[in-house]
C-alpha atoms as a PDB file:
ATOM      1  CA  GLN A   1      23.970  14.373 -58.540  1.00  0.00           C
ATOM      2  CA  VAL A   2      21.698  12.608 -56.087  1.00  0.00           C
ATOM      3  CA  GLN A   3      18.237  12.035 -57.451  1.00  0.00           C
ATOM      4  CA  LEU A   4      15.229   9.912 -56.508  1.00  0.00           C
ATOM      5  CA  VAL A   5      12.578   9.071 -59.064  1.00  0.00           C
ATOM      6  CA  GLU A   6       9.159   7.601 -58.331  1.00  0.00           C
ATOM      7  CA  SER A   7       7.051   5.707 -60.841  1.00  0.00           C
ATOM      8  CA  GLY A   8       3.890   3.639 -60.964  1.00  0.00           C
ATOM      9  CA  GLY A   9       1.245   6.124 -59.946  1.00  0.00           C
ATOM     10  CA  GLY A  10      -2.043   6.521 -61.719  1.00  0.00           C
ATOM     11  CA  LEU A  11      -5.796   6.219 -61.511  1.00  0.00           C
ATOM     12  CA  VAL A  12      -7.262   3.112 -59.911  1.00  0.00           C
ATOM     13  CA  GLN A  13     -10.725   2.108 -58.749  1.00  0.00           C
ATOM     14  CA  PRO A  14     -11.471   1.546 -55.064  1.00  0.00           C
ATOM     15  CA  GLY A  15     -10.347  -1.914 -54.067  1.00  0.00           C
ATOM     16  CA  GLY A  16      -7.670  -1.967 -56.732  1.00  0.00           C
ATOM     17  CA  SER A  17      -3.901  -2.217 -56.454  1.00  0.00           C
ATOM     18  CA  LEU A  18      -0.867  -0.258 -57.528  1.00  0.00           C
ATOM     19  CA  ARG A  19       2.846  -0.733 -57.178  1.00  0.00           C
ATOM     20  CA  LEU A  20       5.030   2.325 -56.803  1.00  0.00           C
ATOM     21  CA  SER A  21       8.765   2.099 -57.368  1.00  0.00           C
ATOM     22  CA  CYS A  22      11.610   4.329 -56.291  1.00  0.00           C
ATOM     23  CA  THR A  23      14.915   4.372 -58.109  1.00  0.00           C
ATOM     24  CA  ALA A  24      18.001   6.435 -57.447  1.00  0.00           C
ATOM     25  CA  SER A  25      20.895   7.975 -59.282  1.00  0.00           C
ATOM     26  CA  GLY A  26      24.023   9.229 -57.627  1.00  0.00           C
ATOM     27  CA  PHE A  27      23.858   6.684 -54.815  1.00  0.00           C
ATOM     28  CA  THR A  28      22.632   3.152 -54.141  1.00  0.00           C
ATOM     29  CA  LEU A  29      19.327   2.675 -52.374  1.00  0.00           C
ATOM     30  CA  ASP A  30      20.487  -0.391 -50.466  1.00  0.00           C
ATOM     31  CA  SER A  31      22.745   1.848 -48.363  1.00  0.00           C
ATOM     32  CA  TYR A  32      19.888   4.015 -47.139  1.00  0.00           C
ATOM     33  CA  ALA A  33      16.710   3.666 -45.174  1.00  0.00           C
ATOM     34  CA  ILE A  34      13.800   4.476 -47.481  1.00  0.00           C
ATOM     35  CA  GLY A  35      10.459   5.969 -46.653  1.00  0.00           C
ATOM     36  CA  TRP A  36       7.315   6.476 -48.673  1.00  0.00           C
ATOM     37  CA  PHE A  37       5.353   9.576 -47.750  1.00  0.00           C
ATOM     38  CA  ARG A  38       2.176  11.031 -49.151  1.00  0.00           C
ATOM     39  CA  GLN A  39       0.465  14.368 -49.219  1.00  0.00           C
ATOM     40  CA  ALA A  40      -3.195  14.848 -49.982  1.00  0.00           C
ATOM     41  CA  PRO A  41      -4.657  18.241 -50.944  1.00  0.00           C
ATOM     42  CA  GLY A  42      -4.968  20.464 -47.907  1.00  0.00           C
ATOM     43  CA  LYS A  43      -3.153  18.021 -45.642  1.00  0.00           C
ATOM     44  CA  GLU A  44       0.342  17.681 -44.295  1.00  0.00           C
ATOM     45  CA  ARG A  45       2.804  15.210 -45.715  1.00  0.00           C
ATOM     46  CA  GLU A  46       2.672  11.973 -43.760  1.00  0.00           C
ATOM     47  CA  LEU A  47       4.746   8.831 -43.506  1.00  0.00           C
ATOM     48  CA  VAL A  48       3.140   5.816 -45.158  1.00  0.00           C
ATOM     49  CA  ALA A  49       5.836   3.147 -44.937  1.00  0.00           C
ATOM     50  CA  PHE A  50       9.481   2.853 -44.014  1.00  0.00           C
ATOM     51  CA  ILE A  51      12.172   0.244 -44.502  1.00  0.00           C
ATOM     52  CA  SER A  52      15.531   0.306 -42.782  1.00  0.00           C
ATOM     53  CA  VAL A  53      18.792  -0.825 -44.319  1.00  0.00           C
ATOM     54  CA  GLY A  54      18.406  -4.075 -42.426  1.00  0.00           C
ATOM     55  CA  GLY A  55      14.856  -4.632 -43.653  1.00  0.00           C
ATOM     56  CA  PHE A  56      12.871  -3.529 -40.623  1.00  0.00           C
ATOM     57  CA  THR A  57       9.566  -2.047 -41.733  1.00  0.00           C
ATOM     58  CA  LEU A  58       6.920   0.144 -40.236  1.00  0.00           C
ATOM     59  CA  PHE A  59       3.612   1.428 -41.546  1.00  0.00           C
ATOM     60  CA  ALA A  60       1.057   4.074 -40.829  1.00  0.00           C
ATOM     61  CA  ASP A  61      -1.974   2.646 -39.059  1.00  0.00           C
ATOM     62  CA  SER A  62      -4.171   3.656 -41.973  1.00  0.00           C
ATOM     63  CA  VAL A  63      -2.314   1.418 -44.438  1.00  0.00           C
ATOM     64  CA  ARG A  64      -1.115  -1.461 -42.288  1.00  0.00           C
ATOM     65  CA  ASP A  65      -2.242  -4.839 -43.696  1.00  0.00           C
ATOM     66  CA  ARG A  66      -2.912  -3.217 -47.092  1.00  0.00           C
ATOM     67  CA  PHE A  67       0.501  -1.850 -48.090  1.00  0.00           C
ATOM     68  CA  THR A  68       3.891  -3.527 -48.176  1.00  0.00           C
ATOM     69  CA  ILE A  69       7.335  -2.046 -48.722  1.00  0.00           C
ATOM     70  CA  PHE A  70      10.232  -4.050 -50.036  1.00  0.00           C
ATOM     71  CA  ARG A  71      13.631  -3.777 -51.624  1.00  0.00           C
ATOM     72  CA  ASP A  72      14.614  -5.297 -54.921  1.00  0.00           C
ATOM     73  CA  ASN A  73      18.355  -4.997 -54.788  1.00  0.00           C
ATOM     74  CA  ALA A  74      18.782  -6.624 -58.183  1.00  0.00           C
ATOM     75  CA  GLN A  75      16.611  -3.941 -59.739  1.00  0.00           C
ATOM     76  CA  LYS A  76      17.978  -1.294 -57.382  1.00  0.00           C
ATOM     77  CA  THR A  77      14.522  -0.201 -56.396  1.00  0.00           C
ATOM     78  CA  VAL A  78      12.358   0.129 -53.329  1.00  0.00           C
ATOM     79  CA  SER A  79       8.714  -0.562 -54.021  1.00  0.00           C
ATOM     80  CA  LEU A  80       5.453   0.153 -52.272  1.00  0.00           C
ATOM     81  CA  ARG A  81       2.777  -2.367 -53.029  1.00  0.00           C
ATOM     82  CA  MET A  82      -0.673  -0.939 -52.324  1.00  0.00           C
ATOM     83  CA  ASN A  83      -3.701  -3.231 -52.153  1.00  0.00           C
ATOM     84  CA  SER A  84      -7.349  -2.606 -51.333  1.00  0.00           C
ATOM     85  CA  LEU A  85      -6.975   1.040 -52.202  1.00  0.00           C
ATOM     86  CA  LYS A  86      -9.472   3.527 -50.843  1.00  0.00           C
ATOM     87  CA  PRO A  87     -10.419   7.015 -52.014  1.00  0.00           C
ATOM     88  CA  GLU A  88      -8.656   8.412 -48.948  1.00  0.00           C
ATOM     89  CA  ASP A  89      -5.391   6.996 -50.275  1.00  0.00           C
ATOM     90  CA  THR A  90      -5.506   9.604 -53.026  1.00  0.00           C
ATOM     91  CA  ALA A  91      -2.387  11.737 -52.727  1.00  0.00           C
ATOM     92  CA  ILE A  92       0.987  12.518 -54.201  1.00  0.00           C
ATOM     93  CA  TYR A  93       3.381   9.825 -53.052  1.00  0.00           C
ATOM     94  CA  TYR A  94       7.017  10.676 -52.410  1.00  0.00           C
ATOM     95  CA  CYS A  95      10.076   8.508 -52.011  1.00  0.00           C
ATOM     96  CA  ASN A  96      12.569   9.610 -49.375  1.00  0.00           C
ATOM     97  CA  ALA A  97      16.053   8.447 -48.463  1.00  0.00           C
ATOM     98  CA  GLY A  98      18.356   8.999 -45.552  1.00  0.00           C
ATOM     99  CA  GLY A  99      15.978   8.907 -42.618  1.00  0.00           C
ATOM    100  CA  THR A 100      16.098   6.839 -39.449  1.00  0.00           C
ATOM    101  CA  LEU A 101      13.517   4.997 -37.404  1.00  0.00           C
ATOM    102  CA  ARG A 102      13.401   7.945 -35.035  1.00  0.00           C
ATOM    103  CA  THR A 103      13.335  10.534 -37.807  1.00  0.00           C
ATOM    104  CA  PRO A 104      12.023   8.782 -40.937  1.00  0.00           C
ATOM    105  CA  ALA A 105      12.280  11.824 -43.211  1.00  0.00           C
ATOM    106  CA  GLY A 106      15.786  12.004 -44.606  1.00  0.00           C
ATOM    107  CA  GLN A 107      17.390  14.638 -46.734  1.00  0.00           C
ATOM    108  CA  TYR A 108      16.640  13.232 -50.181  1.00  0.00           C
ATOM    109  CA  TRP A 109      13.225  13.518 -51.810  1.00  0.00           C
ATOM    110  CA  GLY A 110      11.785  12.517 -55.144  1.00  0.00           C
ATOM    111  CA  GLN A 111       9.402  14.680 -57.136  1.00  0.00           C
ATOM    112  CA  GLY A 112       6.401  12.546 -56.326  1.00  0.00           C
ATOM    113  CA  THR A 113       3.899  10.482 -58.246  1.00  0.00           C
ATOM    114  CA  GLN A 114       0.150  11.022 -58.210  1.00  0.00           C
ATOM    115  CA  VAL A 115      -2.134   8.242 -57.002  1.00  0.00           C
ATOM    116  CA  THR A 116      -5.851   8.754 -57.507  1.00  0.00           C
ATOM    117  CA  VAL A 117      -8.390   6.258 -56.199  1.00  0.00           C
ATOM    118  CA  SER A 118     -11.777   6.907 -57.710  1.00  0.00           C
ATOM    119  CA  SER A 119     -14.617   5.126 -59.458  1.00  0.00           C
END
């Protein structure tokens, strides 16, 4: 059974940092492009960051220079490091696998992890 699991969400003050991690069962993450998406209340789900199998990355304009995405093949995870967090980063963050640069949303989704940025 293919399953993605996110972890690392929580409550953080503005300006703080969080690291989200995505792990998989049923397949190995290093064989798939991975995207991190988020959905805030009342808004559509949007792409935050994407990493290809070869390591090419892209970011939403709103998070560029604050977020990084990287693979840890030893730990079999893909992480999203989020710095200088803002209240507008508050959302449920989802890990996704199987997309492409042209179509970043692939067929596999995690259940999401809540990130709340508030003082």
